[in-house]
Amino acid sequence: MTVEQKPELNRFVDLSIPLTWEYRWIQLKLMLPVWLLLLAILLEAWFFGTWLAGRSWLQPLLVGLGGWLAMVFFVAGMMEIQIRARHRSKRVIQIKDKGITVKPAKNSFVRWKQILKFQLVPIPEAPGTSALILYLRVRPGRRQTHRAFWAMALENPSQTQDLLRYLQTRKSETPTSYEIEILERPGPTEKQSHAPYLFLGMTLMMAGYFLLMHGGPMLVAILDRDHHDSGDGRKLSPEAAARLRQFILTHFSSKEEFRRFFLTLSIVLIVAGVILMILGRWLMHYRPAGNSVGTRSGAG
């Protein structure tokens, strides 16, 4: 079974309509840890390269920051286009044997075991129109909760009754455990929310990834004695190789001390990176019991 909704009705089920700067900032803020990671990687590469070459760091810094800002504005522009395209797209739900497909959505296919309930809510602004809200099962830790995942507006009572009849028939004929809930009046308007520690979790994830990017290759290089002794420094210019050798001789009394230091450092970076990534991933998916994601009628 396939049900479609006109784009004109998106305003009843999409919280980003009308599109505000507050909503834009929330979306961009979620990308901020990724942008900071990229900026840290670029700055590190530029500063190290200018130090080896003995050149001024100001010009590469300005060029790098300009390129980074250009990428930020490009992605922000693409996000704006994507949001506006979603506003003008019809919503579609397709009910299949193994699950349902919903559009538009980040994860369009949902298996039946993930579905907690279908909720029908009247829309006061449009008499005869109802909002169909799809709730999914969520398991943060050992506690099970739910969240509103997706919604569409059903334009007339006959369309609502046809879908309701189909869902009830399917539930009685197949081993599915979803609920069908029909509300006589809408509840309080819910604001769209993410997991309470999503931003912190993403920040820790990116920090852990940054540490692993350094610790992993460093450990491989230290343990690979053949590579270390193969004269790989010949890839550097004579001035850069001399500057690097001078740094090592100034801070380490021998090659063995240098090797032990970076071996220890690489292990610390890897362990810390793994811990931060695990903690960050857990925080990104953590939701207190009862915390849900809503829209005007329940989901976005």
C-alpha atoms as a PDB file:
ATOM      1  CA  MET A   1       0.000   0.000   0.000  1.00  0.00           C
ATOM      2  CA  THR A   2       1.244   3.502  -0.875  1.00  0.00           C
ATOM      3  CA  VAL A   3      -0.065   6.775   0.529  1.00  0.00           C
ATOM      4  CA  GLU A   4       1.080  10.171  -0.736  1.00  0.00           C
ATOM      5  CA  GLN A   5       0.730  13.656   0.714  1.00  0.00           C
ATOM      6  CA  LYS A   6       0.713  16.966  -1.145  1.00  0.00           C
ATOM      7  CA  PRO A   7       3.704  19.273  -0.467  1.00  0.00           C
ATOM      8  CA  GLU A   8       1.276  22.031   0.573  1.00  0.00           C
ATOM      9  CA  LEU A   9       0.460  20.061   3.740  1.00  0.00           C
ATOM     10  CA  ASN A  10       4.081  19.837   4.926  1.00  0.00           C
ATOM     11  CA  ARG A  11       3.544  22.912   7.103  1.00  0.00           C
ATOM     12  CA  PHE A  12       1.415  20.816   9.453  1.00  0.00           C
ATOM     13  CA  VAL A  13       4.068  18.150  10.119  1.00  0.00           C
ATOM     14  CA  ASP A  14       7.451  19.813   9.566  1.00  0.00           C
ATOM     15  CA  LEU A  15       8.839  21.977  12.364  1.00  0.00           C
ATOM     16  CA  SER A  16      11.313  23.671  10.022  1.00  0.00           C
ATOM     17  CA  ILE A  17       8.393  25.475   8.365  1.00  0.00           C
ATOM     18  CA  PRO A  18       8.661  28.449   8.460  1.00  0.00           C
ATOM     19  CA  LEU A  19      12.438  28.264   8.111  1.00  0.00           C
ATOM     20  CA  THR A  20      14.055  30.402  10.818  1.00  0.00           C
ATOM     21  CA  TRP A  21      17.620  31.341  11.699  1.00  0.00           C
ATOM     22  CA  GLU A  22      17.238  29.482  14.978  1.00  0.00           C
ATOM     23  CA  TYR A  23      16.552  26.257  13.092  1.00  0.00           C
ATOM     24  CA  ARG A  24      19.487  26.908  10.744  1.00  0.00           C
ATOM     25  CA  TRP A  25      21.812  27.459  13.691  1.00  0.00           C
ATOM     26  CA  ILE A  26      20.718  24.193  15.335  1.00  0.00           C
ATOM     27  CA  GLN A  27      21.558  22.270  12.147  1.00  0.00           C
ATOM     28  CA  LEU A  28      24.923  24.005  11.690  1.00  0.00           C
ATOM     29  CA  LYS A  29      25.813  23.561  15.352  1.00  0.00           C
ATOM     30  CA  LEU A  30      25.570  19.787  14.975  1.00  0.00           C
ATOM     31  CA  MET A  31      28.261  19.993  12.279  1.00  0.00           C
ATOM     32  CA  LEU A  32      30.542  22.232  14.343  1.00  0.00           C
ATOM     33  CA  PRO A  33      32.670  19.382  15.852  1.00  0.00           C
ATOM     34  CA  VAL A  34      33.375  18.071  12.349  1.00  0.00           C
ATOM     35  CA  TRP A  35      34.416  21.513  11.139  1.00  0.00           C
ATOM     36  CA  LEU A  36      36.654  22.028  14.163  1.00  0.00           C
ATOM     37  CA  LEU A  37      38.311  18.655  13.528  1.00  0.00           C
ATOM     38  CA  LEU A  38      38.964  19.574   9.912  1.00  0.00           C
ATOM     39  CA  LEU A  39      40.320  22.975  10.943  1.00  0.00           C
ATOM     40  CA  ALA A  40      42.663  21.391  13.497  1.00  0.00           C
ATOM     41  CA  ILE A  41      44.004  18.942  10.890  1.00  0.00           C
ATOM     42  CA  LEU A  42      44.586  21.678   8.311  1.00  0.00           C
ATOM     43  CA  LEU A  43      46.258  24.057  10.768  1.00  0.00           C
ATOM     44  CA  GLU A  44      48.512  21.306  12.053  1.00  0.00           C
ATOM     45  CA  ALA A  45      49.590  20.357   8.528  1.00  0.00           C
ATOM     46  CA  TRP A  46      50.228  23.968   7.537  1.00  0.00           C
ATOM     47  CA  PHE A  47      52.195  24.876  10.651  1.00  0.00           C
ATOM     48  CA  PHE A  48      54.320  21.740  10.455  1.00  0.00           C
ATOM     49  CA  GLY A  49      55.000  22.294   6.775  1.00  0.00           C
ATOM     50  CA  THR A  50      56.001  25.940   7.248  1.00  0.00           C
ATOM     51  CA  TRP A  51      58.183  25.021  10.250  1.00  0.00           C
ATOM     52  CA  LEU A  52      60.064  22.400   8.237  1.00  0.00           C
ATOM     53  CA  ALA A  53      60.507  24.786   5.327  1.00  0.00           C
ATOM     54  CA  GLY A  54      61.497  27.685   7.587  1.00  0.00           C
ATOM     55  CA  ARG A  55      58.947  29.973   5.923  1.00  0.00           C
ATOM     56  CA  SER A  56      56.527  32.493   7.379  1.00  0.00           C
ATOM     57  CA  TRP A  57      53.335  30.891   8.604  1.00  0.00           C
ATOM     58  CA  LEU A  58      51.032  33.903   8.075  1.00  0.00           C
ATOM     59  CA  GLN A  59      50.324  33.479   4.367  1.00  0.00           C
ATOM     60  CA  PRO A  60      49.587  29.700   4.549  1.00  0.00           C
ATOM     61  CA  LEU A  61      47.387  30.381   7.583  1.00  0.00           C
ATOM     62  CA  LEU A  62      45.305  32.973   5.750  1.00  0.00           C
ATOM     63  CA  VAL A  63      45.004  30.749   2.673  1.00  0.00           C
ATOM     64  CA  GLY A  64      44.016  27.777   4.822  1.00  0.00           C
ATOM     65  CA  LEU A  65      41.416  29.700   6.797  1.00  0.00           C
ATOM     66  CA  GLY A  66      39.981  31.066   3.551  1.00  0.00           C
ATOM     67  CA  GLY A  67      39.642  27.568   2.120  1.00  0.00           C
ATOM     68  CA  TRP A  68      38.105  26.276   5.333  1.00  0.00           C
ATOM     69  CA  LEU A  69      35.535  29.083   5.438  1.00  0.00           C
ATOM     70  CA  ALA A  70      34.692  28.469   1.787  1.00  0.00           C
ATOM     71  CA  MET A  71      33.910  24.818   2.574  1.00  0.00           C
ATOM     72  CA  VAL A  72      31.775  25.827   5.572  1.00  0.00           C
ATOM     73  CA  PHE A  73      29.706  28.228   3.442  1.00  0.00           C
ATOM     74  CA  PHE A  74      29.406  25.648   0.664  1.00  0.00           C
ATOM     75  CA  VAL A  75      28.033  22.992   3.026  1.00  0.00           C
ATOM     76  CA  ALA A  76      25.713  25.542   4.668  1.00  0.00           C
ATOM     77  CA  GLY A  77      24.387  26.433   1.231  1.00  0.00           C
ATOM     78  CA  MET A  78      23.830  22.773   0.331  1.00  0.00           C
ATOM     79  CA  MET A  79      21.965  22.248   3.614  1.00  0.00           C
ATOM     80  CA  GLU A  80      19.738  25.229   2.823  1.00  0.00           C
ATOM     81  CA  ILE A  81      18.944  23.780  -0.596  1.00  0.00           C
ATOM     82  CA  GLN A  82      18.216  20.364   0.913  1.00  0.00           C
ATOM     83  CA  ILE A  83      15.832  21.787   3.530  1.00  0.00           C
ATOM     84  CA  ARG A  84      13.958  23.887   0.990  1.00  0.00           C
ATOM     85  CA  ALA A  85      13.725  20.912  -1.392  1.00  0.00           C
ATOM     86  CA  ARG A  86      12.239  18.846   1.445  1.00  0.00           C
ATOM     87  CA  HIS A  87       9.629  21.553   2.057  1.00  0.00           C
ATOM     88  CA  ARG A  88       8.541  21.274  -1.580  1.00  0.00           C
ATOM     89  CA  SER A  89       8.559  17.463  -1.718  1.00  0.00           C
ATOM     90  CA  LYS A  90       5.507  15.302  -1.281  1.00  0.00           C
ATOM     91  CA  ARG A  91       5.593  12.840   1.599  1.00  0.00           C
ATOM     92  CA  VAL A  92       5.163   9.161   0.789  1.00  0.00           C
ATOM     93  CA  ILE A  93       4.720   6.039   2.901  1.00  0.00           C
ATOM     94  CA  GLN A  94       4.954   2.589   1.319  1.00  0.00           C
ATOM     95  CA  ILE A  95       3.930  -0.417   3.397  1.00  0.00           C
ATOM     96  CA  LYS A  96       5.823  -3.572   2.429  1.00  0.00           C
ATOM     97  CA  ASP A  97       6.232  -7.124   3.735  1.00  0.00           C
ATOM     98  CA  LYS A  98       9.542  -6.506   5.541  1.00  0.00           C
ATOM     99  CA  GLY A  99       8.880  -2.978   6.693  1.00  0.00           C
ATOM    100  CA  ILE A 100       7.863   0.464   5.518  1.00  0.00           C
ATOM    101  CA  THR A 101       9.538   3.080   3.352  1.00  0.00           C
ATOM    102  CA  VAL A 102       9.021   6.768   4.147  1.00  0.00           C
ATOM    103  CA  LYS A 103      10.112   9.797   2.157  1.00  0.00           C
ATOM    104  CA  PRO A 104      11.644  12.249   2.700  1.00  0.00           C
ATOM    105  CA  ALA A 105      13.728  10.881   5.590  1.00  0.00           C
ATOM    106  CA  LYS A 106      17.394  10.296   6.418  1.00  0.00           C
ATOM    107  CA  ASN A 107      16.701   6.602   7.030  1.00  0.00           C
ATOM    108  CA  SER A 108      13.917   5.827   4.607  1.00  0.00           C
ATOM    109  CA  PHE A 109      13.438   2.098   5.324  1.00  0.00           C
ATOM    110  CA  VAL A 110      12.171   0.921   8.730  1.00  0.00           C
ATOM    111  CA  ARG A 111      11.691  -2.727   9.658  1.00  0.00           C
ATOM    112  CA  TRP A 112       8.517  -3.817  11.418  1.00  0.00           C
ATOM    113  CA  LYS A 113      10.342  -4.819  14.607  1.00  0.00           C
ATOM    114  CA  GLN A 114      11.536  -1.218  14.978  1.00  0.00           C
ATOM    115  CA  ILE A 115       8.044   0.252  14.846  1.00  0.00           C
ATOM    116  CA  LEU A 116       6.359   0.897  18.181  1.00  0.00           C
ATOM    117  CA  LYS A 117       3.125   2.526  17.055  1.00  0.00           C
ATOM    118  CA  PHE A 118       1.207   4.469  14.458  1.00  0.00           C
ATOM    119  CA  GLN A 119      -0.536   7.471  15.946  1.00  0.00           C
ATOM    120  CA  LEU A 120      -3.367   9.421  14.317  1.00  0.00           C
ATOM    121  CA  VAL A 121      -3.887  12.986  15.525  1.00  0.00           C
ATOM    122  CA  PRO A 122      -6.433  15.522  14.193  1.00  0.00           C
ATOM    123  CA  ILE A 123      -5.057  18.796  12.812  1.00  0.00           C
ATOM    124  CA  PRO A 124      -7.268  21.652  14.108  1.00  0.00           C
ATOM    125  CA  GLU A 125      -6.045  24.117  11.448  1.00  0.00           C
ATOM    126  CA  ALA A 126      -7.332  21.825   8.676  1.00  0.00           C
ATOM    127  CA  PRO A 127     -10.669  20.164   9.566  1.00  0.00           C
ATOM    128  CA  GLY A 128     -10.877  16.602   8.283  1.00  0.00           C
ATOM    129  CA  THR A 129      -7.084  16.313   8.052  1.00  0.00           C
ATOM    130  CA  SER A 130      -5.117  14.044  10.399  1.00  0.00           C
ATOM    131  CA  ALA A 131      -1.435  13.620  11.123  1.00  0.00           C
ATOM    132  CA  LEU A 132      -0.016  10.112  10.943  1.00  0.00           C
ATOM    133  CA  ILE A 133       2.969   9.886  13.305  1.00  0.00           C
ATOM    134  CA  LEU A 134       5.375   6.971  13.274  1.00  0.00           C
ATOM    135  CA  TYR A 135       7.048   6.059  16.583  1.00  0.00           C
ATOM    136  CA  LEU A 136      10.147   3.863  16.766  1.00  0.00           C
ATOM    137  CA  ARG A 137      11.555   1.769  19.588  1.00  0.00           C
ATOM    138  CA  VAL A 138      14.724   3.175  21.142  1.00  0.00           C
ATOM    139  CA  ARG A 139      16.981   1.471  23.687  1.00  0.00           C
ATOM    140  CA  PRO A 140      19.333   3.859  25.522  1.00  0.00           C
ATOM    141  CA  GLY A 141      21.295   1.536  27.803  1.00  0.00           C
ATOM    142  CA  ARG A 142      18.927  -0.961  29.390  1.00  0.00           C
ATOM    143  CA  ARG A 143      15.871   1.297  29.364  1.00  0.00           C
ATOM    144  CA  GLN A 144      13.479   1.203  26.452  1.00  0.00           C
ATOM    145  CA  THR A 145      11.859   4.414  25.288  1.00  0.00           C
ATOM    146  CA  HIS A 146      10.466   5.724  22.033  1.00  0.00           C
ATOM    147  CA  ARG A 147      10.698   8.663  19.707  1.00  0.00           C
ATOM    148  CA  ALA A 148       8.593  10.177  16.963  1.00  0.00           C
ATOM    149  CA  PHE A 149      10.466   9.432  13.765  1.00  0.00           C
ATOM    150  CA  TRP A 150       8.349  10.677  10.867  1.00  0.00           C
ATOM    151  CA  ALA A 151       4.934  12.162  10.131  1.00  0.00           C
ATOM    152  CA  MET A 152       2.647  12.965   7.244  1.00  0.00           C
ATOM    153  CA  ALA A 153      -0.716  14.684   6.845  1.00  0.00           C
ATOM    154  CA  LEU A 154      -3.696  12.610   5.669  1.00  0.00           C
ATOM    155  CA  GLU A 155      -5.883  14.975   3.685  1.00  0.00           C
ATOM    156  CA  ASN A 156      -9.360  13.522   4.173  1.00  0.00           C
ATOM    157  CA  PRO A 157     -11.205  11.087   6.475  1.00  0.00           C
ATOM    158  CA  SER A 158     -11.597   8.433   3.779  1.00  0.00           C
ATOM    159  CA  GLN A 159      -7.837   8.316   3.243  1.00  0.00           C
ATOM    160  CA  THR A 160      -7.343   8.015   7.002  1.00  0.00           C
ATOM    161  CA  GLN A 161      -9.897   5.211   7.301  1.00  0.00           C
ATOM    162  CA  ASP A 162      -8.381   3.268   4.389  1.00  0.00           C
ATOM    163  CA  LEU A 163      -4.923   3.387   5.940  1.00  0.00           C
ATOM    164  CA  LEU A 164      -6.253   2.558   9.406  1.00  0.00           C
ATOM    165  CA  ARG A 165      -8.181  -0.422   8.065  1.00  0.00           C
ATOM    166  CA  TYR A 166      -5.107  -1.683   6.207  1.00  0.00           C
ATOM    167  CA  LEU A 167      -2.868  -1.408   9.284  1.00  0.00           C
ATOM    168  CA  GLN A 168      -5.413  -3.191  11.489  1.00  0.00           C
ATOM    169  CA  THR A 169      -5.849  -5.982   8.945  1.00  0.00           C
ATOM    170  CA  ARG A 170      -2.121  -6.424   8.559  1.00  0.00           C
ATOM    171  CA  LYS A 171      -1.612  -6.510  12.313  1.00  0.00           C
ATOM    172  CA  SER A 172      -4.194  -9.288  12.715  1.00  0.00           C
ATOM    173  CA  GLU A 173      -2.809 -11.368   9.841  1.00  0.00           C
ATOM    174  CA  THR A 174       0.948 -11.050  10.472  1.00  0.00           C
ATOM    175  CA  PRO A 175       3.177 -11.458  13.569  1.00  0.00           C
ATOM    176  CA  THR A 176       3.758  -7.732  14.122  1.00  0.00           C
ATOM    177  CA  SER A 177       3.611  -5.959  17.475  1.00  0.00           C
ATOM    178  CA  TYR A 178       3.004  -2.306  16.648  1.00  0.00           C
ATOM    179  CA  GLU A 179       0.215  -0.309  18.244  1.00  0.00           C
ATOM    180  CA  ILE A 180      -2.423   1.841  16.556  1.00  0.00           C
ATOM    181  CA  GLU A 181      -3.376   4.888  18.602  1.00  0.00           C
ATOM    182  CA  ILE A 182      -6.151   7.324  17.641  1.00  0.00           C
ATOM    183  CA  LEU A 183      -6.321  10.624  19.513  1.00  0.00           C
ATOM    184  CA  GLU A 184      -9.445  12.778  19.587  1.00  0.00           C
ATOM    185  CA  ARG A 185      -7.476  15.980  20.054  1.00  0.00           C
ATOM    186  CA  PRO A 186      -3.826  16.932  19.576  1.00  0.00           C
ATOM    187  CA  GLY A 187      -1.497  17.143  22.540  1.00  0.00           C
ATOM    188  CA  PRO A 188       0.701  20.138  23.337  1.00  0.00           C
ATOM    189  CA  THR A 189       2.989  21.239  20.525  1.00  0.00           C
ATOM    190  CA  GLU A 190       6.398  19.641  20.951  1.00  0.00           C
ATOM    191  CA  LYS A 191       9.623  21.281  19.906  1.00  0.00           C
ATOM    192  CA  GLN A 192      12.096  19.283  17.900  1.00  0.00           C
ATOM    193  CA  SER A 193      14.835  17.975  20.135  1.00  0.00           C
ATOM    194  CA  HIS A 194      17.878  15.821  19.777  1.00  0.00           C
ATOM    195  CA  ALA A 195      19.513  13.527  22.267  1.00  0.00           C
ATOM    196  CA  PRO A 196      20.392  15.830  25.200  1.00  0.00           C
ATOM    197  CA  TYR A 197      24.129  15.199  24.898  1.00  0.00           C
ATOM    198  CA  LEU A 198      24.350  14.909  21.110  1.00  0.00           C
ATOM    199  CA  PHE A 199      26.666  17.913  20.655  1.00  0.00           C
ATOM    200  CA  LEU A 200      28.947  16.808  23.503  1.00  0.00           C
ATOM    201  CA  GLY A 201      28.985  13.258  22.151  1.00  0.00           C
ATOM    202  CA  MET A 202      29.920  14.421  18.652  1.00  0.00           C
ATOM    203  CA  THR A 203      32.664  16.631  20.087  1.00  0.00           C
ATOM    204  CA  LEU A 204      34.150  13.719  22.030  1.00  0.00           C
ATOM    205  CA  MET A 205      33.865  11.472  18.960  1.00  0.00           C
ATOM    206  CA  MET A 206      35.793  13.944  16.814  1.00  0.00           C
ATOM    207  CA  ALA A 207      38.400  14.473  19.551  1.00  0.00           C
ATOM    208  CA  GLY A 208      38.889  10.713  19.811  1.00  0.00           C
ATOM    209  CA  TYR A 209      39.209  10.427  16.044  1.00  0.00           C
ATOM    210  CA  PHE A 210      41.808  13.208  16.051  1.00  0.00           C
ATOM    211  CA  LEU A 211      43.895  11.347  18.647  1.00  0.00           C
ATOM    212  CA  LEU A 212      43.616   8.052  16.763  1.00  0.00           C
ATOM    213  CA  MET A 213      44.734   9.765  13.539  1.00  0.00           C
ATOM    214  CA  HIS A 214      47.988  10.600  15.296  1.00  0.00           C
ATOM    215  CA  GLY A 215      48.487   7.603  17.564  1.00  0.00           C
ATOM    216  CA  GLY A 216      47.828   4.888  14.973  1.00  0.00           C
ATOM    217  CA  PRO A 217      50.295   5.943  12.255  1.00  0.00           C
ATOM    218  CA  MET A 218      52.837   6.915  14.921  1.00  0.00           C
ATOM    219  CA  LEU A 219      52.704   3.425  16.459  1.00  0.00           C
ATOM    220  CA  VAL A 220      53.042   1.744  13.051  1.00  0.00           C
ATOM    221  CA  ALA A 221      56.046   3.902  12.165  1.00  0.00           C
ATOM    222  CA  ILE A 222      57.790   3.274  15.509  1.00  0.00           C
ATOM    223  CA  LEU A 223      57.260  -0.499  15.375  1.00  0.00           C
ATOM    224  CA  ASP A 224      58.373  -0.731  11.739  1.00  0.00           C
ATOM    225  CA  ARG A 225      62.126  -0.533  12.279  1.00  0.00           C
ATOM    226  CA  ASP A 226      62.859  -1.352   8.634  1.00  0.00           C
ATOM    227  CA  HIS A 227      60.839   1.646   7.526  1.00  0.00           C
ATOM    228  CA  HIS A 228      62.397   3.786  10.232  1.00  0.00           C
ATOM    229  CA  ASP A 229      65.925   2.886   9.190  1.00  0.00           C
ATOM    230  CA  SER A 230      65.349   2.959   5.439  1.00  0.00           C
ATOM    231  CA  GLY A 231      66.269   6.599   5.044  1.00  0.00           C
ATOM    232  CA  ASP A 232      62.728   7.739   4.427  1.00  0.00           C
ATOM    233  CA  GLY A 233      63.822  11.224   5.463  1.00  0.00           C
ATOM    234  CA  ARG A 234      65.288  11.568   1.942  1.00  0.00           C
ATOM    235  CA  LYS A 235      61.766  12.496   0.848  1.00  0.00           C
ATOM    236  CA  LEU A 236      62.312  15.778   2.707  1.00  0.00           C
ATOM    237  CA  SER A 237      64.414  18.628   1.415  1.00  0.00           C
ATOM    238  CA  PRO A 238      67.960  18.870   2.910  1.00  0.00           C
ATOM    239  CA  GLU A 239      66.920  21.955   4.915  1.00  0.00           C
ATOM    240  CA  ALA A 240      63.801  20.254   6.315  1.00  0.00           C
ATOM    241  CA  ALA A 241      65.709  17.064   7.178  1.00  0.00           C
ATOM    242  CA  ALA A 242      68.400  19.104   8.954  1.00  0.00           C
ATOM    243  CA  ARG A 243      65.801  21.040  10.935  1.00  0.00           C
ATOM    244  CA  LEU A 244      64.088  17.803  11.979  1.00  0.00           C
ATOM    245  CA  ARG A 245      67.377  16.170  13.022  1.00  0.00           C
ATOM    246  CA  GLN A 246      68.310  19.242  15.048  1.00  0.00           C
ATOM    247  CA  PHE A 247      64.973  19.087  16.871  1.00  0.00           C
ATOM    248  CA  ILE A 248      65.490  15.404  17.759  1.00  0.00           C
ATOM    249  CA  LEU A 249      69.065  15.951  18.958  1.00  0.00           C
ATOM    250  CA  THR A 250      67.992  18.931  21.075  1.00  0.00           C
ATOM    251  CA  HIS A 251      65.197  17.095  22.910  1.00  0.00           C
ATOM    252  CA  PHE A 252      66.429  13.484  23.001  1.00  0.00           C
ATOM    253  CA  SER A 253      69.764  12.054  24.049  1.00  0.00           C
ATOM    254  CA  SER A 254      69.566   9.038  21.723  1.00  0.00           C
ATOM    255  CA  LYS A 255      67.460   7.389  19.044  1.00  0.00           C
ATOM    256  CA  GLU A 256      66.316   4.794  21.580  1.00  0.00           C
ATOM    257  CA  GLU A 257      65.011   7.481  23.918  1.00  0.00           C
ATOM    258  CA  PHE A 258      63.236   9.090  20.982  1.00  0.00           C
ATOM    259  CA  ARG A 259      61.700   5.737  20.047  1.00  0.00           C
ATOM    260  CA  ARG A 260      60.535   4.947  23.614  1.00  0.00           C
ATOM    261  CA  PHE A 261      58.969   8.373  24.022  1.00  0.00           C
ATOM    262  CA  PHE A 262      56.933   8.183  20.828  1.00  0.00           C
ATOM    263  CA  LEU A 263      56.021   4.549  21.459  1.00  0.00           C
ATOM    264  CA  THR A 264      54.536   5.545  24.823  1.00  0.00           C
ATOM    265  CA  LEU A 265      52.912   8.627  23.334  1.00  0.00           C
ATOM    266  CA  SER A 266      51.303   6.658  20.512  1.00  0.00           C
ATOM    267  CA  ILE A 267      49.821   4.096  22.923  1.00  0.00           C
ATOM    268  CA  VAL A 268      48.441   6.859  25.162  1.00  0.00           C
ATOM    269  CA  LEU A 269      46.902   8.610  22.162  1.00  0.00           C
ATOM    270  CA  ILE A 270      45.301   5.399  20.888  1.00  0.00           C
ATOM    271  CA  VAL A 271      43.854   4.421  24.282  1.00  0.00           C
ATOM    272  CA  ALA A 272      42.561   7.950  24.933  1.00  0.00           C
ATOM    273  CA  GLY A 273      41.121   8.146  21.419  1.00  0.00           C
ATOM    274  CA  VAL A 274      39.258   4.852  21.746  1.00  0.00           C
ATOM    275  CA  ILE A 275      37.836   5.864  25.149  1.00  0.00           C
ATOM    276  CA  LEU A 276      36.655   9.234  23.812  1.00  0.00           C
ATOM    277  CA  MET A 277      35.041   7.660  20.753  1.00  0.00           C
ATOM    278  CA  ILE A 278      33.186   5.044  22.809  1.00  0.00           C
ATOM    279  CA  LEU A 279      31.997   7.648  25.316  1.00  0.00           C
ATOM    280  CA  GLY A 280      31.033  10.053  22.534  1.00  0.00           C
ATOM    281  CA  ARG A 281      29.054   7.418  20.649  1.00  0.00           C
ATOM    282  CA  TRP A 282      27.199   6.458  23.826  1.00  0.00           C
ATOM    283  CA  LEU A 283      26.295  10.088  24.557  1.00  0.00           C
ATOM    284  CA  MET A 284      25.124  10.631  20.973  1.00  0.00           C
ATOM    285  CA  HIS A 285      22.556   7.840  21.322  1.00  0.00           C
ATOM    286  CA  TYR A 286      21.618   8.366  24.966  1.00  0.00           C
ATOM    287  CA  ARG A 287      18.070   9.485  25.661  1.00  0.00           C
ATOM    288  CA  PRO A 288      16.422   9.645  29.091  1.00  0.00           C
ATOM    289  CA  ALA A 289      13.271   7.571  29.374  1.00  0.00           C
ATOM    290  CA  GLY A 290      10.337   9.323  27.760  1.00  0.00           C
ATOM    291  CA  ASN A 291      12.418  11.756  25.737  1.00  0.00           C
ATOM    292  CA  SER A 292      11.075  11.921  22.191  1.00  0.00           C
ATOM    293  CA  VAL A 293      11.544  13.857  19.019  1.00  0.00           C
ATOM    294  CA  GLY A 294       8.466  15.806  18.003  1.00  0.00           C
ATOM    295  CA  THR A 295       6.910  18.198  15.531  1.00  0.00           C
ATOM    296  CA  ARG A 296       3.747  20.248  15.431  1.00  0.00           C
ATOM    297  CA  SER A 297       1.798  17.034  15.391  1.00  0.00           C
ATOM    298  CA  GLY A 298       4.577  14.830  16.664  1.00  0.00           C
ATOM    299  CA  ALA A 299       7.400  14.135  14.200  1.00  0.00           C
ATOM    300  CA  GLY A 300       9.501  15.753  11.526  1.00  0.00           C
END
